[in-house]
N, C-alpha and C. Protein backbone atom coordinates (compact mmCIF):
# COMPACT_ATOMS: atom_id res chain seq x y z
N MET A 1 110.63 113.50 82.49
CA MET A 1 110.04 112.53 81.50
C MET A 1 109.43 113.49 80.39
N SER A 2 110.25 113.19 79.27
CA SER A 2 109.71 113.81 78.00
C SER A 2 108.57 113.12 77.78
N SER A 3 107.79 113.79 76.74
CA SER A 3 106.58 112.88 76.02
C SER A 3 107.19 112.10 75.62
N GLU A 4 108.41 112.06 74.85
CA GLU A 4 108.86 111.06 73.97
C GLU A 4 109.12 109.49 74.47
N GLU A 5 109.37 109.41 76.12
CA GLU A 5 109.49 108.55 77.09
C GLU A 5 108.06 107.84 77.02
N ALA A 6 108.68 106.82 77.49
CA ALA A 6 107.22 105.86 77.82
C ALA A 6 106.93 105.97 79.07
N ASN A 7 105.60 106.03 79.50
CA ASN A 7 105.12 106.01 80.93
C ASN A 7 105.46 104.89 81.58
N ILE A 8 105.42 105.22 83.24
CA ILE A 8 105.71 103.82 84.09
C ILE A 8 104.30 103.60 83.97
N ARG A 9 104.28 102.08 83.84
CA ARG A 9 102.98 101.44 83.76
C ARG A 9 102.42 100.87 85.01
N VAL A 10 101.91 101.06 85.77
CA VAL A 10 101.47 100.76 87.37
C VAL A 10 100.12 99.76 87.61
N LEU A 11 100.70 98.66 88.23
CA LEU A 11 98.97 97.91 88.55
C LEU A 11 98.91 98.10 89.94
N LEU A 12 97.78 98.39 90.20
CA LEU A 12 97.11 98.30 92.07
C LEU A 12 96.78 96.64 92.34
N VAL A 13 97.06 96.39 93.12
CA VAL A 13 96.65 95.15 93.59
C VAL A 13 96.21 95.32 95.51
N ASP A 14 95.02 95.38 95.72
CA ASP A 14 94.48 95.63 96.95
C ASP A 14 93.20 95.44 97.04
N ASP A 15 92.40 94.61 98.37
CA ASP A 15 91.28 94.46 98.17
C ASP A 15 90.29 94.97 98.91
N HIS A 16 90.61 96.38 98.92
CA HIS A 16 90.26 97.42 99.42
C HIS A 16 89.90 98.24 98.03
N GLU A 17 88.44 98.60 97.72
CA GLU A 17 88.02 99.55 96.38
C GLU A 17 88.51 100.80 96.25
N MET A 18 88.15 101.32 97.84
CA MET A 18 88.40 103.10 97.94
C MET A 18 89.93 103.08 97.95
N VAL A 19 90.80 102.15 98.16
CA VAL A 19 92.20 102.68 97.99
C VAL A 19 92.47 102.36 96.78
N ARG A 20 92.14 101.81 96.14
CA ARG A 20 92.41 101.67 94.72
C ARG A 20 91.87 102.57 93.69
N ILE A 21 90.52 103.10 94.27
CA ILE A 21 90.17 104.46 93.65
C ILE A 21 90.94 105.56 93.86
N GLY A 22 91.36 105.58 95.02
CA GLY A 22 92.00 106.74 95.80
C GLY A 22 93.57 106.80 95.05
N LEU A 23 94.10 105.58 94.80
CA LEU A 23 95.43 105.66 94.60
C LEU A 23 95.02 106.18 93.03
N ALA A 24 94.36 105.55 92.21
CA ALA A 24 94.53 105.65 90.60
C ALA A 24 93.87 107.13 90.54
N ALA A 25 93.14 107.75 91.38
CA ALA A 25 93.01 109.21 91.40
C ALA A 25 94.08 110.07 91.62
N VAL A 26 94.92 110.00 92.25
CA VAL A 26 96.26 110.24 92.87
C VAL A 26 97.24 110.27 91.72
N LEU A 27 97.47 109.00 91.40
CA LEU A 27 98.51 108.86 90.21
C LEU A 27 98.08 109.17 89.33
N SER A 28 96.91 109.50 88.96
CA SER A 28 96.55 109.98 87.30
C SER A 28 96.89 111.50 87.19
N THR A 29 97.45 111.97 88.52
CA THR A 29 97.38 113.55 88.07
C THR A 29 99.33 113.77 88.09
N GLU A 30 100.26 112.60 88.22
CA GLU A 30 101.41 112.34 88.09
C GLU A 30 101.91 112.20 86.52
N ASP A 31 102.61 113.23 86.44
CA ASP A 31 103.13 113.13 84.71
C ASP A 31 104.39 111.72 84.58
N GLY A 32 103.91 110.91 83.61
CA GLY A 32 104.97 110.03 83.13
C GLY A 32 104.72 108.68 84.18
N ILE A 33 103.14 108.55 84.61
CA ILE A 33 102.51 107.65 85.54
C ILE A 33 101.63 107.06 85.16
N GLU A 34 101.41 106.09 84.54
CA GLU A 34 99.88 105.23 84.11
C GLU A 34 99.49 104.10 84.45
N VAL A 35 98.21 104.12 85.51
CA VAL A 35 97.57 103.36 85.92
C VAL A 35 96.79 102.42 84.69
N VAL A 36 97.51 101.28 84.47
CA VAL A 36 96.86 100.61 83.87
C VAL A 36 95.79 99.36 84.03
N GLY A 37 96.17 99.04 85.69
CA GLY A 37 95.10 98.21 85.86
C GLY A 37 95.00 98.30 87.39
N GLU A 38 93.74 97.39 88.04
CA GLU A 38 93.08 97.55 89.15
C GLU A 38 92.73 96.11 89.82
N ALA A 39 93.68 95.51 90.70
CA ALA A 39 93.17 93.68 90.80
C ALA A 39 92.30 94.16 92.55
N GLY A 40 91.40 93.46 92.63
CA GLY A 40 91.13 93.34 94.02
C GLY A 40 91.75 92.03 95.04
N ASN A 41 92.42 91.08 94.46
CA ASN A 41 92.97 89.88 94.90
C ASN A 41 94.18 89.66 94.05
N GLY A 42 94.94 88.70 94.91
CA GLY A 42 96.83 88.10 94.25
C GLY A 42 96.18 87.39 92.81
N HIS A 43 95.05 86.70 93.04
CA HIS A 43 95.16 85.87 91.72
C HIS A 43 94.26 86.43 90.68
N ASP A 44 93.97 87.91 90.55
CA ASP A 44 93.46 88.82 89.62
C ASP A 44 94.61 89.49 89.40
N GLY A 45 95.52 89.97 90.33
CA GLY A 45 96.64 90.82 90.06
C GLY A 45 97.45 89.88 89.36
N ILE A 46 97.77 88.54 89.41
CA ILE A 46 98.83 87.83 88.45
C ILE A 46 98.04 87.70 87.48
N ARG A 47 96.71 87.45 86.90
CA ARG A 47 96.39 87.62 85.50
C ARG A 47 96.37 88.89 85.08
N LEU A 48 96.10 89.91 85.61
CA LEU A 48 95.97 91.57 84.99
C LEU A 48 97.77 91.49 84.68
N ALA A 49 98.64 91.02 85.54
CA ALA A 49 100.09 91.44 85.34
C ALA A 49 100.27 90.81 83.68
N GLN A 50 99.71 89.63 83.91
CA GLN A 50 100.06 89.11 82.45
C GLN A 50 99.58 89.37 81.31
N GLU A 51 98.44 90.04 81.48
CA GLU A 51 97.90 90.76 80.40
C GLU A 51 98.42 92.19 79.80
N TYR A 52 99.15 93.29 80.86
CA TYR A 52 99.16 94.48 80.98
C TYR A 52 100.49 94.62 81.03
N LYS A 53 101.26 93.45 81.68
CA LYS A 53 102.92 93.76 81.73
C LYS A 53 103.32 94.92 82.21
N PRO A 54 102.85 95.16 83.43
CA PRO A 54 103.74 96.69 84.15
C PRO A 54 104.86 96.74 84.51
N ASP A 55 105.55 97.92 84.38
CA ASP A 55 106.87 98.24 85.01
C ASP A 55 107.06 97.88 86.81
N VAL A 56 105.56 98.44 87.44
CA VAL A 56 105.45 98.09 88.70
C VAL A 56 104.00 97.93 88.98
N VAL A 57 104.26 97.33 90.09
CA VAL A 57 102.67 96.51 90.87
C VAL A 57 102.72 97.37 92.42
N LEU A 58 101.85 97.96 92.71
CA LEU A 58 101.74 98.56 94.18
C LEU A 58 100.89 97.56 95.03
N MET A 59 101.53 97.01 95.80
CA MET A 59 101.15 95.54 96.36
C MET A 59 100.32 95.50 97.80
N ASP A 60 99.31 95.26 98.18
CA ASP A 60 98.89 95.25 99.29
C ASP A 60 99.25 93.86 99.95
N LEU A 61 99.52 93.83 101.68
CA LEU A 61 99.96 92.31 102.14
C LEU A 61 98.72 91.35 102.40
N VAL A 62 97.81 91.96 103.20
CA VAL A 62 96.52 91.31 103.64
C VAL A 62 95.28 91.41 102.64
N MET A 63 95.21 90.15 102.20
CA MET A 63 94.26 90.13 101.21
C MET A 63 93.66 88.68 101.15
N GLU A 64 92.25 88.39 100.58
CA GLU A 64 91.53 87.06 101.10
C GLU A 64 92.27 86.07 100.10
N GLY A 65 92.35 85.00 100.40
CA GLY A 65 93.00 83.78 99.53
C GLY A 65 94.48 83.90 99.38
N MET A 66 95.07 84.20 98.53
CA MET A 66 96.30 84.86 98.21
C MET A 66 96.85 86.03 98.71
N ASP A 67 97.52 86.17 99.54
CA ASP A 67 98.12 87.13 100.05
C ASP A 67 98.97 87.88 99.49
N GLY A 68 99.50 88.90 99.89
CA GLY A 68 100.36 89.74 98.91
C GLY A 68 101.92 89.20 98.99
N ILE A 69 102.06 88.39 100.30
CA ILE A 69 103.47 87.62 99.82
C ILE A 69 103.96 86.49 98.90
N GLU A 70 102.76 85.83 99.24
CA GLU A 70 102.81 84.53 98.08
C GLU A 70 102.43 85.37 96.35
N THR A 71 101.79 86.66 96.42
CA THR A 71 101.53 86.84 95.54
C THR A 71 102.52 87.47 94.38
N THR A 72 103.58 88.41 95.61
CA THR A 72 104.65 88.84 94.94
C THR A 72 105.57 87.77 94.57
N ARG A 73 105.75 86.86 95.20
CA ARG A 73 106.57 85.45 94.91
C ARG A 73 106.16 84.71 93.46
N ARG A 74 104.97 84.48 93.57
CA ARG A 74 104.64 84.10 91.93
C ARG A 74 104.51 84.93 91.13
N LEU A 75 104.75 86.31 91.27
CA LEU A 75 104.44 87.27 90.02
C LEU A 75 105.74 87.59 89.42
N LEU A 76 107.04 87.51 90.48
CA LEU A 76 108.30 87.77 90.28
C LEU A 76 108.92 86.37 89.73
N GLN A 77 108.12 85.39 90.15
CA GLN A 77 108.98 84.31 89.09
C GLN A 77 108.36 84.32 87.60
N LEU A 78 107.14 84.88 87.52
CA LEU A 78 106.82 84.84 85.98
C LEU A 78 107.33 86.15 85.54
N TYR A 79 107.67 87.57 85.94
CA TYR A 79 108.25 88.36 85.83
C TYR A 79 109.23 89.06 86.14
N PRO A 80 110.43 88.48 86.37
CA PRO A 80 111.35 89.04 87.35
C PRO A 80 111.79 90.43 87.36
N ASP A 81 111.42 91.12 86.18
CA ASP A 81 111.91 92.29 86.21
C ASP A 81 110.74 93.45 86.31
N CYS A 82 109.50 92.89 86.85
CA CYS A 82 108.67 93.60 87.35
C CYS A 82 108.96 94.35 88.82
N LYS A 83 109.02 95.57 89.16
CA LYS A 83 109.16 95.98 90.60
C LYS A 83 107.77 96.00 91.49
N VAL A 84 107.81 95.29 92.52
CA VAL A 84 106.90 95.11 93.76
C VAL A 84 107.23 96.61 94.58
N ILE A 85 106.14 97.29 94.69
CA ILE A 85 106.60 98.14 96.05
C ILE A 85 105.08 97.67 96.76
N VAL A 86 105.71 97.25 97.81
CA VAL A 86 104.22 96.48 98.92
C VAL A 86 103.93 97.96 99.45
N LEU A 87 102.83 98.40 99.40
CA LEU A 87 101.83 99.59 100.05
C LEU A 87 101.13 99.08 101.30
N THR A 88 101.10 98.88 102.64
CA THR A 88 100.84 98.46 103.94
C THR A 88 100.25 99.38 104.81
N SER A 89 99.46 98.69 105.68
CA SER A 89 99.27 99.30 106.99
C SER A 89 99.94 98.28 108.12
N PHE A 90 100.60 97.43 107.57
CA PHE A 90 101.14 96.74 108.87
C PHE A 90 102.93 96.86 108.47
N LEU A 91 103.63 96.45 109.77
CA LEU A 91 104.86 96.88 110.07
C LEU A 91 105.45 95.73 110.92
N ASP A 92 104.64 94.50 110.98
CA ASP A 92 105.26 93.33 111.90
C ASP A 92 106.27 92.85 111.43
N ASP A 93 107.06 92.03 111.99
CA ASP A 93 107.84 91.38 111.04
C ASP A 93 107.83 90.00 110.44
N GLU A 94 106.73 89.61 110.71
CA GLU A 94 105.99 88.24 109.95
C GLU A 94 105.16 88.50 108.89
N LYS A 95 105.43 90.03 108.78
CA LYS A 95 105.02 89.71 107.13
C LYS A 95 106.18 90.83 106.06
N MET A 96 106.69 91.60 106.88
CA MET A 96 107.63 92.71 106.28
C MET A 96 108.82 91.41 105.60
N TYR A 97 109.58 90.78 106.91
CA TYR A 97 110.74 89.83 105.74
C TYR A 97 110.38 89.19 105.37
N PRO A 98 109.17 88.16 105.26
CA PRO A 98 108.89 87.09 104.35
C PRO A 98 108.63 88.41 102.73
N VAL A 99 108.16 88.97 102.42
CA VAL A 99 107.56 89.67 101.61
C VAL A 99 109.00 90.45 100.83
N ILE A 100 109.89 90.79 101.83
CA ILE A 100 111.02 91.37 101.31
C ILE A 100 112.17 90.03 100.46
N GLU A 101 111.65 88.99 101.43
CA GLU A 101 112.39 88.01 100.73
C GLU A 101 112.00 87.25 99.47
N ALA A 102 110.68 87.35 99.87
CA ALA A 102 109.99 86.96 98.04
C ALA A 102 110.28 87.83 97.03
N GLY A 103 110.86 89.18 97.12
CA GLY A 103 111.30 90.08 96.38
C GLY A 103 110.87 91.37 96.16
N ALA A 104 110.02 91.70 97.50
CA ALA A 104 109.50 93.07 96.76
C ALA A 104 110.49 93.71 96.89
N PHE A 105 110.40 94.91 96.02
CA PHE A 105 111.52 95.83 95.58
C PHE A 105 111.56 97.28 96.60
N SER A 106 110.10 97.52 97.03
CA SER A 106 110.29 98.36 98.45
C SER A 106 109.36 98.58 98.91
N TYR A 107 108.95 99.21 100.52
CA TYR A 107 108.23 98.84 101.17
C TYR A 107 107.79 100.34 101.95
N LEU A 108 106.18 100.36 101.96
CA LEU A 108 105.75 101.61 102.12
C LEU A 108 104.65 101.43 102.83
N LEU A 109 104.25 102.67 103.69
CA LEU A 109 103.03 102.24 104.84
C LEU A 109 102.22 103.13 104.39
N LYS A 110 100.71 102.65 104.41
CA LYS A 110 99.76 103.64 103.57
C LYS A 110 99.21 105.04 104.16
N THR A 111 100.13 105.05 104.91
CA THR A 111 100.38 106.65 105.96
C THR A 111 101.09 107.73 104.86
N SER A 112 102.12 106.96 103.77
CA SER A 112 102.60 107.94 103.24
C SER A 112 101.78 108.87 102.36
N ARG A 113 102.40 109.92 101.94
CA ARG A 113 101.96 111.07 101.44
C ARG A 113 102.38 110.80 99.55
N ALA A 114 101.28 111.03 99.22
CA ALA A 114 100.93 110.69 97.76
C ALA A 114 102.10 110.83 97.00
N SER A 115 102.85 112.07 97.25
CA SER A 115 104.31 112.26 96.43
C SER A 115 105.23 111.53 96.87
N GLU A 116 105.18 110.62 98.06
CA GLU A 116 106.03 109.82 98.48
C GLU A 116 106.00 108.29 97.84
N ILE A 117 104.70 108.09 97.44
CA ILE A 117 104.11 107.02 96.97
C ILE A 117 104.69 107.39 95.03
N ALA A 118 104.54 108.31 94.90
CA ALA A 118 104.72 108.48 93.23
C ALA A 118 106.59 108.38 93.04
N HIS A 119 107.18 109.25 94.06
CA HIS A 119 108.64 108.81 94.44
C HIS A 119 109.11 107.60 94.65
N ALA A 120 108.42 106.82 94.78
CA ALA A 120 109.01 105.34 95.28
C ALA A 120 108.52 104.81 93.64
N ILE A 121 107.47 104.78 93.20
CA ILE A 121 107.28 104.43 91.87
C ILE A 121 108.16 104.70 90.77
N ARG A 122 108.82 106.14 90.57
CA ARG A 122 109.83 106.45 89.71
C ARG A 122 110.93 106.21 90.07
N ALA A 123 111.46 105.88 91.05
CA ALA A 123 112.48 105.33 91.79
C ALA A 123 112.63 103.78 91.66
N ALA A 124 111.65 103.23 91.69
CA ALA A 124 111.30 101.80 90.80
C ALA A 124 111.69 101.35 89.79
N ALA A 125 111.30 102.51 88.90
CA ALA A 125 111.64 102.41 87.10
C ALA A 125 112.82 102.63 86.97
N ARG A 126 113.79 103.67 88.14
CA ARG A 126 114.91 103.56 87.84
C ARG A 126 116.11 102.37 88.18
N GLY A 127 115.36 101.38 89.29
CA GLY A 127 116.05 100.70 89.64
C GLY A 127 116.45 100.59 91.14
N GLN A 128 115.75 102.04 91.52
CA GLN A 128 116.10 102.44 93.27
C GLN A 128 115.15 101.98 93.95
N SER A 129 115.64 101.42 95.18
CA SER A 129 114.32 100.78 96.22
C SER A 129 114.30 102.03 97.03
N VAL A 130 112.94 102.25 97.94
CA VAL A 130 112.79 103.19 98.54
C VAL A 130 112.29 102.37 99.89
N LEU A 131 112.82 102.43 101.29
CA LEU A 131 112.18 101.62 102.14
C LEU A 131 111.42 102.75 103.36
N GLU A 132 110.43 102.66 103.81
CA GLU A 132 109.82 103.86 104.53
C GLU A 132 110.68 103.70 105.83
N SER A 133 111.16 104.71 106.77
CA SER A 133 112.05 104.86 107.34
C SER A 133 111.68 103.92 108.53
N GLN A 134 110.41 103.34 109.11
CA GLN A 134 110.56 102.35 110.03
C GLN A 134 110.95 101.34 109.94
N VAL A 135 110.97 100.98 108.70
CA VAL A 135 111.08 99.76 108.06
C VAL A 135 113.00 99.22 107.91
N ALA A 136 113.74 100.69 107.49
CA ALA A 136 114.70 100.82 107.39
C ALA A 136 115.23 100.67 108.35
N SER A 137 114.74 100.91 110.00
CA SER A 137 115.39 100.82 111.06
C SER A 137 115.23 99.60 111.55
N LYS A 138 113.71 98.79 111.41
CA LYS A 138 113.60 97.42 111.91
C LYS A 138 115.00 96.59 111.10
N MET A 139 115.02 96.70 109.90
CA MET A 139 115.94 96.12 109.28
C MET A 139 117.28 96.34 109.46
N MET A 140 117.75 97.49 109.93
CA MET A 140 119.16 97.56 110.59
C MET A 140 119.44 97.06 111.86
N ASN A 141 118.48 97.11 113.01
CA ASN A 141 118.36 96.45 114.24
C ASN A 141 118.39 95.26 114.17
N ARG A 142 118.01 94.42 113.04
CA ARG A 142 117.57 92.95 112.97
C ARG A 142 119.26 92.72 112.86
N PHE A 143 119.66 93.23 111.82
CA PHE A 143 121.07 92.86 111.08
C PHE A 143 122.11 93.15 112.33
N ARG A 144 122.02 93.73 113.10
CA ARG A 144 122.87 94.40 114.62
C ARG A 144 122.98 93.39 115.68
N GLN A 145 121.78 92.91 115.83
CA GLN A 145 121.54 91.47 116.86
C GLN A 145 122.20 90.62 116.27
N PRO A 146 123.00 89.68 117.34
CA PRO A 146 123.95 88.37 117.03
C PRO A 146 122.62 87.29 116.56
N ARG A 147 122.83 87.08 115.41
CA ARG A 147 121.87 85.94 114.94
C ARG A 147 122.27 84.59 115.92
N GLN A 148 121.00 83.60 116.27
CA GLN A 148 120.87 82.66 116.99
C GLN A 148 120.33 81.83 116.15
N GLU A 149 120.58 80.46 116.25
CA GLU A 149 119.89 79.18 115.12
C GLU A 149 118.81 79.06 115.65
N ALA A 150 117.97 79.35 114.87
CA ALA A 150 116.35 79.13 115.36
C ALA A 150 116.05 77.85 115.17
N ALA A 151 114.99 77.58 116.13
CA ALA A 151 114.24 76.25 115.58
C ALA A 151 113.40 76.24 114.23
N PRO A 152 113.45 75.06 113.75
CA PRO A 152 112.77 75.33 112.37
C PRO A 152 110.98 76.05 112.62
N HIS A 153 110.60 75.67 113.62
CA HIS A 153 109.03 76.22 113.46
C HIS A 153 109.05 77.82 113.58
N GLU A 154 110.15 78.21 114.39
CA GLU A 154 110.04 79.75 114.36
C GLU A 154 110.42 80.62 112.79
N GLU A 155 110.49 79.79 111.58
CA GLU A 155 110.97 80.32 110.48
C GLU A 155 109.60 80.13 110.08
N LEU A 156 108.39 79.97 110.64
CA LEU A 156 107.12 79.58 109.74
C LEU A 156 106.38 81.27 110.12
N THR A 157 105.52 81.60 109.23
CA THR A 157 104.85 82.73 109.26
C THR A 157 103.74 82.68 110.20
N GLU A 158 102.75 83.54 110.65
CA GLU A 158 101.76 83.36 111.60
C GLU A 158 100.74 82.43 110.62
N ARG A 159 100.34 82.49 109.44
CA ARG A 159 99.48 81.89 108.64
C ARG A 159 99.86 80.40 108.28
N GLU A 160 100.86 80.04 108.53
CA GLU A 160 101.34 78.76 108.19
C GLU A 160 101.53 78.23 109.68
N MET A 161 101.76 78.86 110.84
CA MET A 161 101.45 78.41 112.36
C MET A 161 100.14 78.13 112.52
N GLU A 162 99.05 78.64 112.04
CA GLU A 162 97.91 78.33 112.24
C GLU A 162 97.30 77.26 111.20
N VAL A 163 97.96 76.96 110.13
CA VAL A 163 97.50 75.57 109.25
C VAL A 163 98.25 74.36 109.97
N LEU A 164 99.32 74.65 110.62
CA LEU A 164 100.07 73.66 111.10
C LEU A 164 99.59 73.50 112.14
N LYS A 165 98.75 74.09 113.17
CA LYS A 165 97.89 73.67 114.31
C LYS A 165 97.16 72.92 114.21
N LEU A 166 96.35 73.20 112.76
CA LEU A 166 95.13 72.48 112.66
C LEU A 166 95.07 71.16 111.85
N ILE A 167 96.14 71.18 111.12
CA ILE A 167 96.92 69.81 110.37
C ILE A 167 97.23 68.79 112.07
N ALA A 168 97.75 69.34 113.25
CA ALA A 168 98.20 68.60 114.25
C ALA A 168 96.57 68.13 114.82
N LYS A 169 95.86 68.70 114.69
CA LYS A 169 94.30 68.42 115.07
C LYS A 169 93.51 67.39 114.47
N GLY A 170 94.20 67.32 113.13
CA GLY A 170 93.73 66.25 112.38
C GLY A 170 92.80 66.92 111.04
N ARG A 171 92.96 67.78 110.73
CA ARG A 171 91.88 68.67 109.90
C ARG A 171 92.55 68.36 108.49
N SER A 172 91.47 68.16 107.58
CA SER A 172 91.93 67.70 106.27
C SER A 172 92.32 69.26 105.53
N ASN A 173 93.00 69.23 104.11
CA ASN A 173 93.10 70.39 103.31
C ASN A 173 91.93 71.35 103.59
N GLN A 174 90.70 70.68 102.70
CA GLN A 174 89.63 71.18 103.11
C GLN A 174 89.17 72.05 104.19
N GLU A 175 89.14 71.33 105.28
CA GLU A 175 88.62 71.53 106.51
C GLU A 175 89.53 73.07 106.87
N VAL A 176 90.81 72.97 106.69
CA VAL A 176 91.79 74.27 106.98
C VAL A 176 91.21 74.95 106.12
N ALA A 177 91.07 75.22 105.06
CA ALA A 177 90.60 75.87 104.35
C ALA A 177 89.23 76.66 104.36
N ASP A 178 88.47 76.11 105.18
CA ASP A 178 87.04 76.23 105.48
C ASP A 178 87.45 77.25 106.94
N GLU A 179 88.10 76.73 107.76
CA GLU A 179 87.85 77.36 109.19
C GLU A 179 88.76 78.78 108.87
N LEU A 180 89.72 78.32 108.03
CA LEU A 180 90.63 80.05 107.99
C LEU A 180 90.22 80.89 107.02
N TYR A 181 89.33 80.56 105.96
CA TYR A 181 88.54 81.44 105.37
C TYR A 181 89.47 81.55 103.83
N ILE A 182 90.48 80.63 103.56
CA ILE A 182 90.90 80.49 102.52
C ILE A 182 91.11 79.56 101.54
N GLY A 183 91.39 79.91 100.07
CA GLY A 183 91.35 78.73 99.34
C GLY A 183 91.81 77.22 99.41
N ILE A 184 91.56 76.60 98.90
CA ILE A 184 92.40 75.11 98.97
C ILE A 184 93.76 75.21 98.35
N LYS A 185 93.92 76.01 97.22
CA LYS A 185 94.92 76.23 96.74
C LYS A 185 96.21 76.74 97.55
N THR A 186 95.65 77.75 98.41
CA THR A 186 96.65 78.36 99.39
C THR A 186 96.72 77.67 100.57
N VAL A 187 96.05 76.98 100.93
CA VAL A 187 96.12 75.59 102.27
C VAL A 187 97.24 74.93 101.75
N LYS A 188 96.93 74.51 100.35
CA LYS A 188 98.23 73.57 99.80
C LYS A 188 99.69 74.23 99.58
N PHE A 189 99.49 75.09 99.19
CA PHE A 189 101.01 76.37 98.66
C PHE A 189 101.33 76.14 100.50
N HIS A 190 100.42 76.52 101.51
CA HIS A 190 101.43 76.79 103.01
C HIS A 190 101.79 75.40 103.57
N VAL A 191 100.58 74.41 102.95
CA VAL A 191 101.62 73.15 103.83
C VAL A 191 102.92 72.42 103.11
N THR A 192 102.81 72.67 101.67
CA THR A 192 104.28 72.45 101.07
C THR A 192 105.51 73.70 101.79
N ASN A 193 105.08 74.54 101.99
CA ASN A 193 106.03 75.36 102.62
C ASN A 193 106.15 74.97 104.20
N ILE A 194 105.19 74.13 104.64
CA ILE A 194 105.29 73.74 106.39
C ILE A 194 106.59 73.15 105.98
N LEU A 195 105.85 72.03 105.22
CA LEU A 195 106.96 70.72 105.24
C LEU A 195 108.42 70.90 104.95
N ALA A 196 108.52 71.34 103.89
CA ALA A 196 110.11 72.32 103.60
C ALA A 196 110.55 72.82 104.75
N LYS A 197 109.89 73.82 105.27
CA LYS A 197 110.68 74.65 106.92
C LYS A 197 110.99 73.90 107.64
N LEU A 198 110.00 72.59 107.94
CA LEU A 198 110.54 71.69 109.18
C LEU A 198 111.25 70.34 109.05
N GLY A 199 111.21 70.31 107.68
CA GLY A 199 112.17 69.28 107.02
C GLY A 199 111.58 68.01 107.32
N VAL A 200 110.31 68.03 107.20
CA VAL A 200 109.61 66.60 107.05
C VAL A 200 109.18 66.06 105.65
N ASP A 201 108.55 65.14 105.75
CA ASP A 201 108.17 64.61 104.47
C ASP A 201 106.38 64.57 104.28
N ASP A 202 105.82 64.49 105.35
CA ASP A 202 104.49 64.28 105.12
C ASP A 202 103.64 65.19 106.04
N ARG A 203 102.10 65.28 106.18
CA ARG A 203 101.25 65.91 107.34
C ARG A 203 101.49 65.33 108.45
N THR A 204 101.51 63.79 108.50
CA THR A 204 101.91 63.41 109.74
C THR A 204 103.18 63.35 110.43
N GLN A 205 104.14 63.56 109.70
CA GLN A 205 105.42 64.28 110.25
C GLN A 205 105.17 65.22 110.89
N ALA A 206 104.71 66.35 110.16
CA ALA A 206 104.37 67.50 110.58
C ALA A 206 103.63 68.06 111.66
N ALA A 207 102.44 67.10 111.80
CA ALA A 207 101.72 66.80 113.14
C ALA A 207 102.44 66.47 114.24
N ILE A 208 103.45 65.70 113.97
CA ILE A 208 104.22 64.72 115.28
C ILE A 208 104.99 65.68 115.59
N TYR A 209 105.56 66.67 114.98
CA TYR A 209 106.37 67.81 114.89
C TYR A 209 105.86 69.00 116.31
N ALA A 210 104.58 69.18 115.80
CA ALA A 210 103.81 70.17 116.25
C ALA A 210 103.55 69.73 117.69
N VAL A 211 103.00 68.67 118.03
CA VAL A 211 102.63 67.73 119.16
C VAL A 211 103.75 68.19 120.02
N LYS A 212 105.24 67.36 119.35
CA LYS A 212 106.68 67.14 120.21
C LYS A 212 106.53 68.57 120.70
N HIS A 213 106.30 69.54 120.21
CA HIS A 213 107.34 71.21 120.28
C HIS A 213 105.84 71.69 121.10
N GLY A 214 104.83 71.12 121.23
CA GLY A 214 103.48 71.87 121.91
C GLY A 214 103.10 73.28 121.47
N LEU A 215 103.14 72.76 119.98
CA LEU A 215 102.29 73.75 119.02
C LEU A 215 100.91 73.55 118.71
N ALA A 216 100.66 72.58 119.30
CA ALA A 216 99.05 72.23 119.08
C ALA A 216 98.55 72.40 120.19
N ASP A 217 98.61 72.79 121.25
CA ASP A 217 98.11 72.72 122.72
C ASP A 217 96.88 73.95 122.78
N ASP A 218 96.75 75.28 121.78
CA ASP A 218 96.18 75.90 122.39
C ASP A 218 94.84 75.46 121.54
């Protein structure tokens, strides 16, 4: 990248301060890459994205309040041209597939080398996705398997299932928020997703569904 070309503007979203400090320090040594902001949670990530208009966002998945999946979805609704690179320690299906469906551009593990992260940032700026080799293998295996019709509740994420079980036990939104240590807005967001995925109209019908399918037993 020549001096006349603009730097790739990168926003870091991770709830671990030391991870952000380390990433910022490493990326500051890379030509053509500029860290324009750091956020410790999803809400701040969206706020800073509105302020700094980054080209690329390095996104953690597991954060208090609004997680990386929801943050990615909301961020790309506001800025569809922004490229979200997931940088996480998790490789499980319940996190990987939903965030890719939410629009994540690339998916890396935190065990990646600094050069690999920098490469993914530059590739994203060129419109090229980069997937961790284990992620690519899991996706290929998933598409090779014959697809069976899933029950509606099988489409729920782990967090949505937790919320559904509490709804079935008669918990209010505030009680769900307190028990799961998440914000009330996040609970409402999950409830909306649960109703849509189960194809029901309200919390009562969702609770009945959970009981009928044995989801509220534990």
